[in-house]
Protein backbone atom coordinates (compact mmCIF):
# COMPACT_ATOMS: atom_id res chain seq x y z
CA MET A 1 139.35 93.75 84.85
CA ILE A 2 136.99 95.87 86.88
CA LYS A 3 138.69 97.19 89.99
CA CYS A 4 136.10 98.32 92.43
CA LEU A 5 134.12 96.67 95.12
CA ILE A 6 130.49 97.50 95.63
CA PHE A 7 127.86 96.27 97.97
CA ILE A 8 124.21 97.00 98.57
CA THR A 9 122.27 96.16 101.67
CA PHE A 10 118.59 96.66 102.27
CA SER A 11 117.04 97.15 105.63
CA PRO A 12 114.04 99.30 106.51
CA PHE A 13 114.96 101.43 109.45
CA PHE A 14 112.78 104.37 109.96
CA PHE A 15 109.57 103.02 111.31
CA PRO A 16 108.95 101.01 114.42
CA LEU A 17 105.90 99.61 112.72
CA VAL A 18 106.56 95.94 112.80
CA LYS A 19 108.45 94.00 115.36
CA ASP A 20 109.50 90.70 113.80
CA SER A 21 111.54 89.47 110.89
CA ALA A 22 108.52 90.27 108.80
CA GLN A 23 109.26 93.91 109.41
CA ALA A 24 112.71 95.05 108.68
CA ASN A 25 113.75 98.58 107.83
CA GLN A 26 114.95 99.16 104.29
CA MET A 27 118.55 100.13 104.07
CA ILE A 28 120.53 100.44 100.89
CA ASP A 29 124.23 101.03 101.18
CA ILE A 30 126.62 101.14 98.27
CA ALA A 31 130.33 101.55 98.62
CA SER A 32 132.97 101.74 95.91
CA PHE A 33 136.30 100.18 96.80
CA GLU A 34 139.42 100.68 94.72
CA LYS A 35 142.48 98.44 94.34
CA HIS A 36 140.57 95.17 94.17
CA GLN A 37 140.80 92.59 91.44
CA ASN A 38 137.08 91.92 91.35
CA ASN A 39 133.86 93.89 91.44
CA TYR A 40 130.98 92.80 93.65
CA PHE A 41 127.58 93.99 94.58
CA PHE A 42 125.33 92.49 97.20
CA ILE A 43 121.62 92.56 97.64
CA SER A 44 120.01 91.43 100.84
CA LYS A 45 118.03 88.29 100.33
CA LYS A 46 115.22 89.33 102.63
CA ILE A 47 113.34 92.62 102.69
CA ASN A 48 110.61 93.01 105.25
CA SER A 49 108.39 95.87 106.21
CA PHE A 50 109.37 98.12 109.09
CA GLN A 51 110.90 98.02 112.50
CA ASP A 52 112.91 94.90 112.99
CA ILE A 53 116.21 95.05 111.15
CA HIS A 54 117.86 92.74 113.63
CA ASN A 55 117.20 89.58 111.67
CA LEU A 56 118.33 91.05 108.37
CA SER A 57 121.79 89.57 108.06
CA GLN A 58 122.26 87.66 104.83
CA PHE A 59 123.27 89.02 101.48
CA ASN A 60 123.40 87.71 97.97
CA ILE A 61 126.66 88.35 96.21
CA TYR A 62 127.18 88.80 92.52
CA LYS A 63 130.49 89.08 90.72
CA VAL A 64 130.69 91.53 87.85
CA ASP A 65 133.10 91.21 84.97
CA GLN A 66 133.11 93.20 81.76
CA ASN A 67 129.95 91.62 80.37
CA ASN A 68 128.44 89.30 82.94
CA ILE A 69 126.99 89.21 86.43
CA PHE A 70 127.10 85.89 88.22
CA PHE A 71 126.76 84.52 91.72
CA ASP A 72 130.03 84.15 93.57
CA GLN A 73 129.35 83.38 97.23
CA GLN A 74 127.23 84.30 100.24
CA ILE A 75 128.20 86.34 103.28
CA GLN A 76 126.63 87.72 106.37
CA PHE A 77 128.12 90.93 107.70
CA SER A 78 131.57 90.45 106.19
CA GLU A 79 134.13 92.96 107.28
CA ILE A 80 135.60 95.95 105.51
CA PRO A 81 139.28 95.22 104.81
CA ASN A 82 141.28 97.58 106.97
CA LYS A 83 143.77 98.57 104.28
CA GLU A 84 141.31 99.32 101.51
CA LYS A 85 140.51 102.89 100.53
CA PHE A 86 136.81 103.33 99.95
CA ASN A 87 134.46 106.02 98.77
CA LEU A 88 130.79 105.92 99.70
CA ILE A 89 128.64 106.78 96.73
CA ALA A 90 125.17 106.09 98.11
CA SER A 91 123.71 105.12 101.43
CA PRO A 92 119.95 105.47 101.72
CA GLU A 93 119.42 103.92 105.13
CA ASN A 94 115.68 104.32 105.43
CA PHE A 95 114.02 106.39 107.99
CA ASN A 96 116.06 104.89 110.80
CA PRO A 97 119.57 104.92 109.32
CA SER A 98 122.27 102.52 110.41
CA LEU A 99 125.60 101.13 109.40
CA ARG A 100 124.75 97.68 110.62
CA GLU A 101 125.10 96.14 107.20
CA ARG A 102 128.05 98.18 105.98
CA PHE A 103 130.36 95.24 105.34
CA ILE A 104 132.07 93.57 102.42
CA PRO A 105 133.62 90.14 101.93
CA ASN A 106 137.17 89.18 102.72
CA ILE A 107 138.22 88.25 99.19
CA GLU A 108 141.61 86.82 100.12
CA GLU A 109 140.08 84.54 102.72
CA SER A 110 137.46 83.29 100.27
CA GLN A 111 140.10 82.47 97.66
CA SER A 112 142.43 80.79 100.12
CA ASN A 113 139.75 78.29 101.14
CA GLU A 114 138.81 77.12 97.66
CA THR A 115 139.86 73.58 98.54
CA ASP A 116 137.17 73.36 101.23
CA ASN A 117 133.94 71.85 99.95
CA PHE A 118 131.87 72.94 102.94
CA ARG A 119 132.95 75.12 105.80
CA LEU A 120 131.69 77.31 108.61
CA GLU A 121 132.22 80.86 107.42
CA SER A 122 131.01 82.92 110.37
CA ILE A 123 129.17 82.98 113.69
CA THR A 124 127.21 86.11 114.61
CA PRO A 125 125.67 86.37 118.10
CA SER A 126 123.47 89.41 118.67
CA PHE A 127 121.35 91.06 121.33
CA SER A 128 118.62 93.64 120.80
CA LEU A 129 116.04 95.35 122.97
CA ASP A 130 112.96 96.99 121.47
CA SER A 131 110.77 98.80 123.99
CA ASP A 132 108.23 101.61 124.25
CA ASN A 133 106.55 103.61 127.00
CA PHE A 134 103.33 101.60 126.70
CA GLY A 135 104.67 98.51 128.48
CA GLN A 136 106.00 96.58 125.50
CA ARG A 137 109.46 94.97 125.51
CA ASN A 138 110.75 92.57 122.86
CA ILE A 139 114.15 91.07 123.71
CA PHE A 140 116.12 89.16 121.05
CA ARG A 141 119.13 86.95 121.84
CA GLU A 142 120.06 85.17 118.65
CA VAL A 143 123.00 83.59 116.87
CA LEU A 144 123.47 83.09 113.13
CA PHE A 145 125.73 80.39 111.65
CA ASP A 146 126.73 80.80 108.03
CA PHE A 147 128.15 77.93 105.97
CA GLN A 148 129.74 78.20 102.56
CA SER A 149 130.22 75.62 99.82
CA LEU A 150 131.83 75.79 96.39
CA ASN A 151 128.93 74.25 94.48
CA GLN A 152 126.92 77.49 94.72
CA ASN A 153 124.76 76.05 97.49
CA ASN A 154 125.17 78.10 100.66
CA PHE A 155 123.48 77.43 103.98
CA SER A 156 122.70 79.18 107.24
CA LEU A 157 121.19 78.35 110.63
CA LYS A 158 119.60 80.86 112.99
CA THR A 159 118.46 80.16 116.52
CA GLY A 160 118.24 81.88 119.88
CA VAL A 161 116.10 82.53 122.95
CA ASN A 162 113.83 85.59 122.66
CA THR A 163 111.39 87.07 125.15
CA PHE A 164 108.22 89.05 124.46
CA ARG A 165 106.85 91.10 127.36
CA LYS A 166 103.80 93.30 127.68
CA THR A 167 101.89 94.80 130.58
CA ASP A 168 99.20 92.46 132.00
CA ILE A 169 100.36 89.52 129.81
CA GLU A 170 102.52 86.61 130.88
CA ASP A 171 105.93 86.62 129.20
CA ILE A 172 106.33 84.45 126.11
CA THR A 173 109.61 82.71 125.29
CA HIS A 174 110.43 82.19 121.62
CA ILE A 175 113.08 79.87 120.15
CA PRO A 176 113.53 80.20 116.37
CA LEU A 177 115.13 77.39 114.39
CA ILE A 178 115.51 78.56 110.81
CA PHE A 179 117.52 76.87 108.05
CA GLY A 180 118.52 78.93 105.02
CA TRP A 181 119.55 77.88 101.52
CA GLN A 182 120.82 80.09 98.72
CA ARG A 183 121.65 79.37 95.09
CA GLN A 184 122.00 81.24 91.85
CA ILE A 185 120.36 80.00 88.67
CA ASN A 186 121.67 81.94 85.68
CA ASN A 187 121.52 85.55 86.91
CA THR A 188 118.64 84.99 89.31
CA ASN A 189 119.49 84.51 92.94
CA LEU A 190 117.12 82.32 94.95
CA ASN A 191 116.89 82.27 98.74
CA LEU A 192 114.81 79.84 100.76
CA ASN A 193 114.32 79.83 104.53
CA LEU A 194 112.46 77.02 106.32
CA GLY A 195 112.04 76.46 110.00
CA VAL A 196 109.86 76.55 113.08
CA ASP A 197 109.10 79.23 115.66
CA PHE A 198 108.90 77.41 119.01
CA PHE A 199 106.96 79.05 121.86
CA ASP A 200 106.75 78.01 125.50
CA ARG A 201 102.98 78.38 126.00
CA VAL A 202 101.36 78.69 122.58
CA ARG A 203 101.38 76.51 119.49
CA ASN A 204 104.56 76.28 117.45
CA THR A 205 104.39 77.88 114.02
CA PRO A 206 106.15 77.14 110.70
CA ASN A 207 108.43 79.84 109.36
CA PHE A 208 108.88 80.09 105.59
CA SER A 209 110.19 82.62 103.10
CA ILE A 210 111.39 82.56 99.50
CA ASN A 211 113.06 85.41 97.66
CA ALA A 212 114.22 85.90 94.07
CA GLU A 213 116.37 88.77 92.84
CA GLN A 214 117.48 89.66 89.33
CA PRO A 215 119.91 92.39 88.23
CA LEU A 216 118.29 93.77 85.08
CA SER A 217 120.88 96.34 84.04
CA ILE A 218 124.29 97.57 85.08
CA ASN A 219 126.49 100.28 83.65
CA VAL A 220 130.20 100.39 84.49
CA ASN A 221 132.55 102.87 82.81
CA GLU A 222 136.01 102.10 81.43
CA ALA A 223 137.61 102.99 84.77
CA GLY A 224 135.61 100.26 86.50
CA GLU A 225 133.29 102.69 88.29
CA LEU A 226 129.63 101.82 88.70
CA GLN A 227 127.46 104.42 86.97
CA SER A 228 123.98 102.93 87.21
CA LEU A 229 122.25 99.76 88.33
CA PHE A 230 118.72 98.35 88.42
CA VAL A 231 117.78 95.28 90.47
CA ALA A 232 114.29 93.82 90.87
CA GLY A 233 113.09 91.16 93.27
CA ALA A 234 110.14 89.63 95.07
CA THR A 235 109.54 87.87 98.40
CA ILE A 236 106.84 85.53 99.72
CA GLU A 237 106.78 84.69 103.42
CA HIS A 238 104.66 83.01 106.07
CA GLN A 239 105.21 83.00 109.83
CA ALA A 240 103.85 83.99 113.22
CA TYR A 241 103.25 87.73 113.56
CA LYS A 242 105.76 88.47 116.31
CA PHE A 243 104.69 92.07 116.76
CA ASN A 244 104.37 91.69 120.54
CA ALA A 245 103.31 89.21 123.22
CA THR A 246 99.61 89.75 122.47
CA THR A 247 99.81 88.78 118.79
CA ILE A 248 101.79 85.66 119.70
CA GLU A 249 99.31 84.73 122.44
CA ASN A 250 96.46 85.19 119.95
CA GLU A 251 98.35 82.95 117.48
CA VAL A 252 98.18 85.48 114.66
CA THR A 253 100.06 84.41 111.51
CA PHE A 254 100.40 86.02 108.09
CA TRP A 255 101.25 85.52 104.42
CA ARG A 256 103.00 88.40 102.66
CA PHE A 257 104.00 89.11 99.07
CA ARG A 258 106.43 91.92 98.35
CA PRO A 259 107.90 93.07 95.00
CA GLN A 260 110.71 95.61 95.25
CA PHE A 261 113.36 97.33 93.17
CA TYR A 262 116.57 99.27 93.68
CA TRP A 263 117.72 101.80 91.08
CA LEU A 264 121.09 103.49 91.23
CA ILE A 265 120.28 106.42 88.96
CA ALA A 266 123.72 108.02 89.25
CA PRO A 267 126.75 107.35 91.47
CA ASP A 268 125.36 109.76 94.09
CA LEU A 269 121.61 109.33 93.53
CA SER A 270 119.47 106.27 94.24
CA LEU A 271 115.85 105.18 94.54
CA PHE A 272 114.44 102.21 96.44
CA SER A 273 110.78 101.19 96.51
CA PHE A 274 108.59 98.26 97.48
CA ALA A 275 104.90 97.39 97.71
CA GLN A 276 103.58 94.70 100.04
CA TYR A 277 100.30 92.87 100.37
CA GLY A 278 99.60 90.77 103.46
CA THR A 279 96.78 88.58 104.69
CA PHE A 280 96.42 87.56 108.35
CA SER A 281 94.94 84.53 110.05
CA ASP A 282 92.43 86.72 111.93
CA GLY A 283 90.87 87.72 108.61
CA ASN A 284 92.61 91.06 108.22
CA ASP A 285 94.45 92.32 105.11
CA GLU A 286 97.17 94.95 104.78
CA PHE A 287 98.86 97.02 102.11
CA GLN A 288 102.20 98.78 102.48
CA SER A 289 104.33 100.87 100.16
CA PHE A 290 107.63 102.58 100.78
CA SER A 291 109.87 104.76 98.60
CA ARG A 292 113.18 106.42 99.37
CA LEU A 293 115.16 108.84 97.21
CA GLU A 294 118.67 109.68 98.40
CA LYS A 295 121.38 112.10 97.34
CA THR A 296 124.88 111.97 98.83
CA PHE A 297 127.31 114.86 99.35
CA GLY A 298 130.65 113.48 100.48
CA GLU A 299 130.20 112.31 104.07
CA PHE A 300 126.62 113.64 104.17
CA SER A 301 123.40 112.29 102.72
CA LEU A 302 119.95 113.79 102.26
CA SER A 303 116.95 111.52 101.80
CA GLY A 304 113.24 111.86 101.23
CA ASN A 305 111.04 109.00 102.44
CA LEU A 306 107.38 108.13 101.98
CA PHE A 307 105.57 105.26 103.71
CA VAL A 308 101.91 104.26 103.43
CA TRP A 309 100.24 101.51 105.49
CA SER A 310 96.58 100.51 105.59
CA PHE A 311 94.53 97.61 106.94
CA ALA A 312 91.07 96.43 106.00
CA GLU A 313 90.07 96.44 109.70
CA ASN A 314 91.45 97.95 112.87
CA LEU A 315 91.89 94.86 115.08
CA GLU A 316 94.29 96.30 117.66
CA SER A 317 91.83 95.80 120.52
CA SER A 318 91.18 92.14 119.69
CA SER A 319 94.35 90.85 117.98
CA GLY A 320 96.88 93.16 119.62
CA TYR A 321 98.74 94.68 116.68
CA PHE A 322 98.80 98.18 115.23
CA SER A 323 96.40 97.97 112.26
CA PRO A 324 95.43 101.46 111.12
CA PRO A 325 93.02 101.83 108.19
CA ASP A 326 94.96 104.94 107.20
CA PHE A 327 98.58 105.61 108.17
CA LEU A 328 101.15 107.71 106.32
CA VAL A 329 104.62 108.96 107.16
CA TYR A 330 106.83 111.27 105.14
CA ASN A 331 110.09 112.84 106.22
CA LEU A 332 113.42 114.35 105.31
CA GLU A 333 116.52 112.71 106.71
CA LEU A 334 120.03 114.08 107.11
CA GLY A 335 122.85 111.62 107.73
CA TRP A 336 126.58 111.94 108.43
CA ARG A 337 129.09 109.12 108.23
CA ARG A 338 132.77 109.14 109.14
CA GLN A 339 135.56 106.57 108.99
CA PHE A 340 137.58 107.74 111.99
CA THR A 341 140.28 105.06 111.76
CA ASP A 342 140.90 101.90 109.80
CA ASN A 343 139.05 100.05 112.56
CA LEU A 344 136.28 102.45 113.57
CA SER A 345 133.41 103.98 111.62
CA CYS A 346 130.25 105.71 112.87
CA ARG A 347 127.07 107.18 111.50
CA LEU A 348 124.64 109.69 112.95
CA ALA A 349 121.29 110.54 111.37
CA GLY A 350 118.14 112.40 112.19
CA SER A 351 114.86 112.80 110.39
CA ILE A 352 111.85 114.99 110.86
CA GLY A 353 108.53 114.97 109.09
CA GLN A 354 104.85 114.28 109.55
CA GLN A 355 102.76 111.20 110.30
CA ARG A 356 99.04 110.91 109.60
CA LEU A 357 96.84 108.50 111.52
CA GLU A 358 93.21 108.33 110.39
CA GLY A 359 93.31 111.83 108.96
CA GLU A 360 95.09 113.58 111.86
CA PHE A 361 98.65 114.86 111.36
CA SER A 362 101.41 115.09 113.97
CA ASN A 363 105.18 115.53 113.98
CA ALA A 364 107.41 112.51 113.41
CA PHE A 365 111.07 112.14 114.34
CA VAL A 366 113.79 109.48 114.36
CA TYR A 367 117.34 109.85 115.72
CA GLU A 368 119.97 107.13 115.54
CA GLY A 369 123.66 106.51 116.02
CA LEU A 370 125.71 103.45 115.18
CA CYS A 371 129.39 102.56 115.44
CA GLN A 372 131.26 99.63 114.01
CA ALA A 373 134.67 98.52 115.27
CA ASN A 374 137.02 95.92 113.88
CA LEU A 375 138.28 94.32 117.08
CA SER A 376 140.56 92.05 115.06
CA PRO A 377 140.91 91.07 111.40
CA GLN A 378 138.27 88.40 112.01
CA THR A 379 136.02 90.06 114.61
CA ILE A 380 133.58 92.94 114.12
CA LEU A 381 131.53 94.70 116.80
CA ASP A 382 128.41 96.77 116.07
CA LEU A 383 126.55 98.94 118.55
CA SER A 384 123.50 101.06 117.75
CA TYR A 385 120.84 103.11 119.50
CA ARG A 386 117.65 104.54 118.06
CA VAL A 387 114.76 106.60 119.41
CA SER A 388 111.55 107.51 117.58
CA ASN A 389 107.97 108.63 118.04
CA ILE A 390 106.67 106.86 114.91
CA LEU A 391 103.49 105.21 116.11
CA THR A 392 103.04 101.50 116.65
CA VAL A 393 100.00 101.87 118.92
CA GLU A 394 96.83 103.93 118.80
CA SER A 395 98.21 106.94 120.67
CA ALA A 396 99.07 110.60 120.35
CA ALA A 397 102.53 111.01 118.85
CA THR A 398 103.48 113.48 121.57
CA SER A 399 103.19 110.74 124.20
CA TYR A 400 104.64 107.77 122.29
CA ARG A 401 108.33 106.87 122.44
CA ASN A 402 110.10 103.81 121.05
CA GLU A 403 113.73 102.91 121.80
CA GLN A 404 115.95 100.24 120.27
CA PHE A 405 119.40 99.06 121.31
CA LYS A 406 121.43 96.51 119.40
CA ALA A 407 124.79 94.85 120.02
CA GLN A 408 126.33 92.33 117.66
CA VAL A 409 129.66 90.57 117.22
CA LYS A 410 130.65 88.70 114.09
CA PHE A 411 133.39 86.08 114.14
CA ASN A 412 134.77 85.18 110.70
CA PHE A 413 136.64 81.95 110.04
C-alpha cells in the first residue's frame, strides 16, 4: 500500500494580464504526506491564462495504488489534516506565488460518509479586489457550493455579485450562475462547466468550459514516494471577456483552446507549460505560451518563468482590453514557505525580471504574501496580498501598479 499523499494545483499567478476566470495564474503545488493509507494527486480542472486565480477552486482527484490511477472524488480547497507530517517537494506557484490551493482532502470524512449518495461537501465564500492606478477596480464577491456523490458524478454551483468599475464608465454588476460536472472515464478526467453570466445593463452571456486531463506516467518507489509524474490536458472555453468594465460594456466574448502539461522530473524539480490560442468576437486573435521550471531547497524554492503574449491587432482603444502585438515577460522568483503551527502556514515570494512591450524592455516585479489558518477542523481561512507592475494597459512600467487582495473561508461538511 502506498503511504503518501500528494496533490497538485495549477493556478497562474504572476501576471495581472487577464482579469476573469479566463485568466488564472498557473500554480503547481505538490506535497508528500506520510502516514496515510492512500496516495492521491490532484490536478486542477481549469487552467486559464493570467491574472485571475480567484475562480480557480476545483480539483480532480486521482487515487494511486501499486499499478493503477483512478478517480476517487472531487474537492475544492480541502484542508490539510492538522496531525499529518508533510514534506513539500515542489511548489512552482507561477509568477505571483500563493498558497491558496495548498489543501488536501479529509480522507476520514470522505470514508465516513460512504452511505450518502449525494451530499453537500463544502461552501466557500470569497472576496477579492483587483485594482490599478489607472482607475480600474474589479470586485468579486462569490460563493462556491461543492456536492459529492458516490457514482463518480460530482457537481458544483458558483454564484455571486461582482462589480466592475472604471473611470468614466458606469459600474457594471455581474452575477455568475455556473453549474459544474465532473466524471472520470477510465483514467481520463472530464470536467464540464455550463452557465450564464448575468449583467445589469448589457446582454447576458453563456459561460462554457470543458477540460480533459490524463496522467500518462507515474513512478513511485518501493517506499511509496513519488519520483516522477507526467500529466497532459486540454481546455476549451467560451464566455464574456471580463477583463474590465469596458470589455463587458462592448460585449466582447472569446473562444479559447489550451493544451498543457505538468512534468515532475524529480521530487524537487518540476516543469509546467501551456500554449493557448484565442479568438474574440471583435475579430481579434491571440496566442499565449507560458513555461515554469522550479527547483526546491527545503523551505525555499527558485523558479524561472517565461511568458509570451501576442494579438493580431491592438484593439485597446476600441475594445478596452490589453492586446499587445508583442509582449514578453521573463523572471526569476524566490519563494519561502513555513508551517508555523499545525493551524497556520504562510508563504512569501518575490520575483524580478524584464518585460518587453513592442520591442521596449523595462523592469518587472511581483511581490506576494499569503497565510492560511485552520480556524477549526472544518473551517479554513485564506488571506493574500499581491502587488506588481506587470502591464495590463499601454503604459510605462515605472508608472503602472496593480494590487490584489483576497479573503476566503471554506466550510467543510
